[in-house]
Amino acid sequence: MDLKKMYAAVYKTNPTSNYTKERIIGVLRNRMHTMKRAESFGLSVEERNKRTVNSL
């Protein structure tokens, strides 16, 4: 139930009835990954390099 609420909050629609828990989790993970990629593209090259160095 909570996963369906999270999905609805993100996509402003309920998932179809054939969506399993695993599928909803996958969709939400992909959405988070896409958001992080978009944020990374918005950073300057210097900031991106700092994050890369700090994560190693």
PDB file of N, CA and C in Angstrom:
ATOM      1  N   MET A   1       0.828  -1.189   0.000  1.00  0.00           N
ATOM      2  CA  MET A   1       0.000   0.000   0.000  1.00  0.00           C
ATOM      3  C   MET A   1       0.876   1.259   0.000  1.00  0.00           C
ATOM      4  N   ASP A   2       1.933   1.261   0.831  1.00  0.00           N
ATOM      5  CA  ASP A   2       2.814   2.431   0.895  1.00  0.00           C
ATOM      6  C   ASP A   2       3.531   2.660  -0.432  1.00  0.00           C
ATOM      7  N   LEU A   3       3.921   1.579  -1.090  1.00  0.00           N
ATOM      8  CA  LEU A   3       4.598   1.717  -2.385  1.00  0.00           C
ATOM      9  C   LEU A   3       3.677   2.352  -3.413  1.00  0.00           C
ATOM     10  N   LYS A   4       2.417   1.957  -3.397  1.00  0.00           N
ATOM     11  CA  LYS A   4       1.447   2.533  -4.327  1.00  0.00           C
ATOM     12  C   LYS A   4       1.247   4.025  -4.051  1.00  0.00           C
ATOM     13  N   LYS A   5       1.262   4.407  -2.772  1.00  0.00           N
ATOM     14  CA  LYS A   5       1.135   5.821  -2.411  1.00  0.00           C
ATOM     15  C   LYS A   5       2.353   6.610  -2.889  1.00  0.00           C
ATOM     16  N   MET A   6       3.538   6.011  -2.725  1.00  0.00           N
ATOM     17  CA  MET A   6       4.761   6.674  -3.190  1.00  0.00           C
ATOM     18  C   MET A   6       4.714   6.850  -4.705  1.00  0.00           C
ATOM     19  N   TYR A   7       4.316   5.814  -5.409  1.00  0.00           N
ATOM     20  CA  TYR A   7       4.214   5.873  -6.868  1.00  0.00           C
ATOM     21  C   TYR A   7       3.239   6.981  -7.274  1.00  0.00           C
ATOM     22  N   ALA A   8       2.100   7.019  -6.627  1.00  0.00           N
ATOM     23  CA  ALA A   8       1.079   8.029  -6.947  1.00  0.00           C
ATOM     24  C   ALA A   8       1.585   9.436  -6.654  1.00  0.00           C
ATOM     25  N   ALA A   9       2.371   9.591  -5.607  1.00  0.00           N
ATOM     26  CA  ALA A   9       2.909  10.905  -5.268  1.00  0.00           C
ATOM     27  C   ALA A   9       3.890  11.388  -6.320  1.00  0.00           C
ATOM     28  N   VAL A  10       4.669  10.476  -6.862  1.00  0.00           N
ATOM     29  CA  VAL A  10       5.678  10.840  -7.866  1.00  0.00           C
ATOM     30  C   VAL A  10       5.048  11.072  -9.230  1.00  0.00           C
ATOM     31  N   TYR A  11       4.195  10.164  -9.659  1.00  0.00           N
ATOM     32  CA  TYR A  11       3.659  10.202 -11.028  1.00  0.00           C
ATOM     33  C   TYR A  11       2.260  10.793 -11.142  1.00  0.00           C
ATOM     34  N   LYS A  12       1.659  11.172 -10.023  1.00  0.00           N
ATOM     35  CA  LYS A  12       0.316  11.792 -10.009  1.00  0.00           C
ATOM     36  C   LYS A  12      -0.751  10.901 -10.620  1.00  0.00           C
ATOM     37  N   THR A  13      -0.520   9.592 -10.550  1.00  0.00           N
ATOM     38  CA  THR A  13      -1.485   8.601 -11.010  1.00  0.00           C
ATOM     39  C   THR A  13      -1.202   7.301 -10.282  1.00  0.00           C
ATOM     40  N   ASN A  14      -2.205   6.479 -10.147  1.00  0.00           N
ATOM     41  CA  ASN A  14      -2.007   5.189  -9.492  1.00  0.00           C
ATOM     42  C   ASN A  14      -1.367   4.197 -10.461  1.00  0.00           C
ATOM     43  N   PRO A  15      -0.554   3.277  -9.934  1.00  0.00           N
ATOM     44  CA  PRO A  15       0.008   2.257 -10.818  1.00  0.00           C
ATOM     45  C   PRO A  15      -1.101   1.328 -11.297  1.00  0.00           C
ATOM     46  N   THR A  16      -0.896   0.768 -12.447  1.00  0.00           N
ATOM     47  CA  THR A  16      -1.905  -0.165 -12.964  1.00  0.00           C
ATOM     48  C   THR A  16      -1.970  -1.386 -12.063  1.00  0.00           C
ATOM     49  N   SER A  17      -3.051  -2.108 -12.132  1.00  0.00           N
ATOM     50  CA  SER A  17      -3.287  -3.229 -11.221  1.00  0.00           C
ATOM     51  C   SER A  17      -2.293  -4.372 -11.403  1.00  0.00           C
ATOM     52  N   ASN A  18      -1.656  -4.458 -12.564  1.00  0.00           N
ATOM     53  CA  ASN A  18      -0.720  -5.559 -12.787  1.00  0.00           C
ATOM     54  C   ASN A  18       0.698  -5.244 -12.305  1.00  0.00           C
ATOM     55  N   TYR A  19       0.929  -4.068 -11.732  1.00  0.00           N
ATOM     56  CA  TYR A  19       2.241  -3.715 -11.188  1.00  0.00           C
ATOM     57  C   TYR A  19       2.466  -4.454  -9.873  1.00  0.00           C
ATOM     58  N   THR A  20       3.542  -5.196  -9.801  1.00  0.00           N
ATOM     59  CA  THR A  20       3.901  -5.897  -8.572  1.00  0.00           C
ATOM     60  C   THR A  20       4.737  -4.973  -7.700  1.00  0.00           C
ATOM     61  N   LYS A  21       4.992  -5.404  -6.476  1.00  0.00           N
ATOM     62  CA  LYS A  21       5.832  -4.605  -5.577  1.00  0.00           C
ATOM     63  C   LYS A  21       7.207  -4.400  -6.196  1.00  0.00           C
ATOM     64  N   GLU A  22       7.748  -5.469  -6.770  1.00  0.00           N
ATOM     65  CA  GLU A  22       9.075  -5.391  -7.368  1.00  0.00           C
ATOM     66  C   GLU A  22       9.111  -4.405  -8.528  1.00  0.00           C
ATOM     67  N   ARG A  23       8.067  -4.392  -9.321  1.00  0.00           N
ATOM     68  CA  ARG A  23       8.019  -3.485 -10.466  1.00  0.00           C
ATOM     69  C   ARG A  23       7.913  -2.033 -10.017  1.00  0.00           C
ATOM     70  N   ILE A  24       7.101  -1.781  -9.000  1.00  0.00           N
ATOM     71  CA  ILE A  24       6.967  -0.419  -8.476  1.00  0.00           C
ATOM     72  C   ILE A  24       8.301   0.050  -7.908  1.00  0.00           C
ATOM     73  N   ILE A  25       8.982  -0.820  -7.150  1.00  0.00           N
ATOM     74  CA  ILE A  25      10.292  -0.470  -6.594  1.00  0.00           C
ATOM     75  C   ILE A  25      11.267  -0.164  -7.719  1.00  0.00           C
ATOM     76  N   GLY A  26      11.263  -0.968  -8.767  1.00  0.00           N
ATOM     77  CA  GLY A  26      12.153  -0.735  -9.909  1.00  0.00           C
ATOM     78  C   GLY A  26      11.878   0.594 -10.585  1.00  0.00           C
ATOM     79  N   VAL A  27      10.623   0.913 -10.764  1.00  0.00           N
ATOM     80  CA  VAL A  27      10.233   2.179 -11.399  1.00  0.00           C
ATOM     81  C   VAL A  27      10.706   3.356 -10.553  1.00  0.00           C
ATOM     82  N   LEU A  28      10.500   3.266  -9.238  1.00  0.00           N
ATOM     83  CA  LEU A  28      10.910   4.352  -8.351  1.00  0.00           C
ATOM     84  C   LEU A  28      12.432   4.485  -8.291  1.00  0.00           C
ATOM     85  N   ARG A  29      13.143   3.366  -8.294  1.00  0.00           N
ATOM     86  CA  ARG A  29      14.612   3.414  -8.316  1.00  0.00           C
ATOM     87  C   ARG A  29      15.111   4.066  -9.601  1.00  0.00           C
ATOM     88  N   ASN A  30      14.514   3.704 -10.717  1.00  0.00           N
ATOM     89  CA  ASN A  30      14.912   4.311 -11.982  1.00  0.00           C
ATOM     90  C   ASN A  30      14.659   5.809 -11.979  1.00  0.00           C
ATOM     91  N   ARG A  31      13.562   6.213 -11.377  1.00  0.00           N
ATOM     92  CA  ARG A  31      13.234   7.638 -11.291  1.00  0.00           C
ATOM     93  C   ARG A  31      14.289   8.387 -10.466  1.00  0.00           C
ATOM     94  N   MET A  32      14.690   7.781  -9.327  1.00  0.00           N
ATOM     95  CA  MET A  32      15.710   8.403  -8.484  1.00  0.00           C
ATOM     96  C   MET A  32      17.048   8.484  -9.220  1.00  0.00           C
ATOM     97  N   HIS A  33      17.384   7.433  -9.939  1.00  0.00           N
ATOM     98  CA  HIS A  33      18.628   7.423 -10.703  1.00  0.00           C
ATOM     99  C   HIS A  33      18.615   8.521 -11.764  1.00  0.00           C
ATOM    100  N   THR A  34      17.502   8.670 -12.439  1.00  0.00           N
ATOM    101  CA  THR A  34      17.371   9.701 -13.463  1.00  0.00           C
ATOM    102  C   THR A  34      17.485  11.092 -12.851  1.00  0.00           C
ATOM    103  N   MET A  35      16.900  11.284 -11.687  1.00  0.00           N
ATOM    104  CA  MET A  35      16.975  12.581 -11.021  1.00  0.00           C
ATOM    105  C   MET A  35      18.413  12.904 -10.625  1.00  0.00           C
ATOM    106  N   LYS A  36      19.146  11.914 -10.134  1.00  0.00           N
ATOM    107  CA  LYS A  36      20.547  12.132  -9.767  1.00  0.00           C
ATOM    108  C   LYS A  36      21.393  12.437 -10.994  1.00  0.00           C
ATOM    109  N   ARG A  37      21.122  11.762 -12.102  1.00  0.00           N
ATOM    110  CA  ARG A  37      21.853  12.036 -13.337  1.00  0.00           C
ATOM    111  C   ARG A  37      21.573  13.446 -13.817  1.00  0.00           C
ATOM    112  N   ALA A  38      20.324  13.863 -13.768  1.00  0.00           N
ATOM    113  CA  ALA A  38      19.967  15.217 -14.203  1.00  0.00           C
ATOM    114  C   ALA A  38      20.637  16.258 -13.316  1.00  0.00           C
ATOM    115  N   GLU A  39      20.678  15.999 -12.019  1.00  0.00           N
ATOM    116  CA  GLU A  39      21.345  16.915 -11.090  1.00  0.00           C
ATOM    117  C   GLU A  39      22.835  16.992 -11.417  1.00  0.00           C
ATOM    118  N   SER A  40      23.435  15.874 -11.734  1.00  0.00           N
ATOM    119  CA  SER A  40      24.860  15.836 -12.049  1.00  0.00           C
ATOM    120  C   SER A  40      25.170  16.630 -13.310  1.00  0.00           C
ATOM    121  N   PHE A  41      24.315  16.555 -14.300  1.00  0.00           N
ATOM    122  CA  PHE A  41      24.523  17.322 -15.528  1.00  0.00           C
ATOM    123  C   PHE A  41      24.455  18.822 -15.260  1.00  0.00           C
ATOM    124  N   GLY A  42      23.696  19.200 -14.247  1.00  0.00           N
ATOM    125  CA  GLY A  42      23.564  20.606 -13.907  1.00  0.00           C
ATOM    126  C   GLY A  42      24.765  21.178 -13.173  1.00  0.00           C
ATOM    127  N   LEU A  43      25.605  20.314 -12.640  1.00  0.00           N
ATOM    128  CA  LEU A  43      26.778  20.778 -11.909  1.00  0.00           C
ATOM    129  C   LEU A  43      27.882  21.202 -12.867  1.00  0.00           C
ATOM    130  N   SER A  44      28.705  22.086 -12.401  1.00  0.00           N
ATOM    131  CA  SER A  44      29.855  22.460 -13.210  1.00  0.00           C
ATOM    132  C   SER A  44      30.858  21.312 -13.184  1.00  0.00           C
ATOM    133  N   VAL A  45      31.796  21.324 -14.094  1.00  0.00           N
ATOM    134  CA  VAL A  45      32.801  20.272 -14.192  1.00  0.00           C
ATOM    135  C   VAL A  45      33.601  20.171 -12.898  1.00  0.00           C
ATOM    136  N   GLU A  46      33.939  21.292 -12.301  1.00  0.00           N
ATOM    137  CA  GLU A  46      34.719  21.300 -11.057  1.00  0.00           C
ATOM    138  C   GLU A  46      33.946  20.633  -9.919  1.00  0.00           C
ATOM    139  N   GLU A  47      32.680  20.977  -9.787  1.00  0.00           N
ATOM    140  CA  GLU A  47      31.864  20.374  -8.731  1.00  0.00           C
ATOM    141  C   GLU A  47      31.714  18.878  -8.949  1.00  0.00           C
ATOM    142  N   ARG A  48      31.532  18.461 -10.187  1.00  0.00           N
ATOM    143  CA  ARG A  48      31.396  17.048 -10.508  1.00  0.00           C
ATOM    144  C   ARG A  48      32.670  16.293 -10.134  1.00  0.00           C
ATOM    145  N   ASN A  49      33.823  16.880 -10.440  1.00  0.00           N
ATOM    146  CA  ASN A  49      35.087  16.236 -10.104  1.00  0.00           C
ATOM    147  C   ASN A  49      35.275  16.131  -8.601  1.00  0.00           C
ATOM    148  N   LYS A  50      34.861  17.145  -7.855  1.00  0.00           N
ATOM    149  CA  LYS A  50      34.958  17.106  -6.394  1.00  0.00           C
ATOM    150  C   LYS A  50      34.111  15.961  -5.843  1.00  0.00           C
ATOM    151  N   ARG A  51      32.925  15.803  -6.352  1.00  0.00           N
ATOM    152  CA  ARG A  51      32.046  14.714  -5.872  1.00  0.00           C
ATOM    153  C   ARG A  51      32.658  13.364  -6.202  1.00  0.00           C
ATOM    154  N   THR A  52      33.249  13.231  -7.380  1.00  0.00           N
ATOM    155  CA  THR A  52      33.855  11.963  -7.777  1.00  0.00           C
ATOM    156  C   THR A  52      35.025  11.626  -6.864  1.00  0.00           C
ATOM    157  N   VAL A  53      35.865  12.596  -6.594  1.00  0.00           N
ATOM    158  CA  VAL A  53      37.034  12.376  -5.733  1.00  0.00           C
ATOM    159  C   VAL A  53      36.578  12.035  -4.312  1.00  0.00           C
ATOM    160  N   ASN A  54      35.573  12.735  -3.809  1.00  0.00           N
ATOM    161  CA  ASN A  54      35.101  12.497  -2.444  1.00  0.00           C
ATOM    162  C   ASN A  54      34.426  11.141  -2.292  1.00  0.00           C
ATOM    163  N   SER A  55      33.839  10.619  -3.337  1.00  0.00           N
ATOM    164  CA  SER A  55      33.137   9.340  -3.237  1.00  0.00           C
ATOM    165  C   SER A  55      34.103   8.160  -3.317  1.00  0.00           C
ATOM    166  N   LEU A  56      35.324   8.387  -3.765  1.00  0.00           N
ATOM    167  CA  LEU A  56      36.293   7.294  -3.840  1.00  0.00           C
ATOM    168  C   LEU A  56      36.863   7.066  -2.512  1.00  0.00           C
TER     169      LEU A  56
END
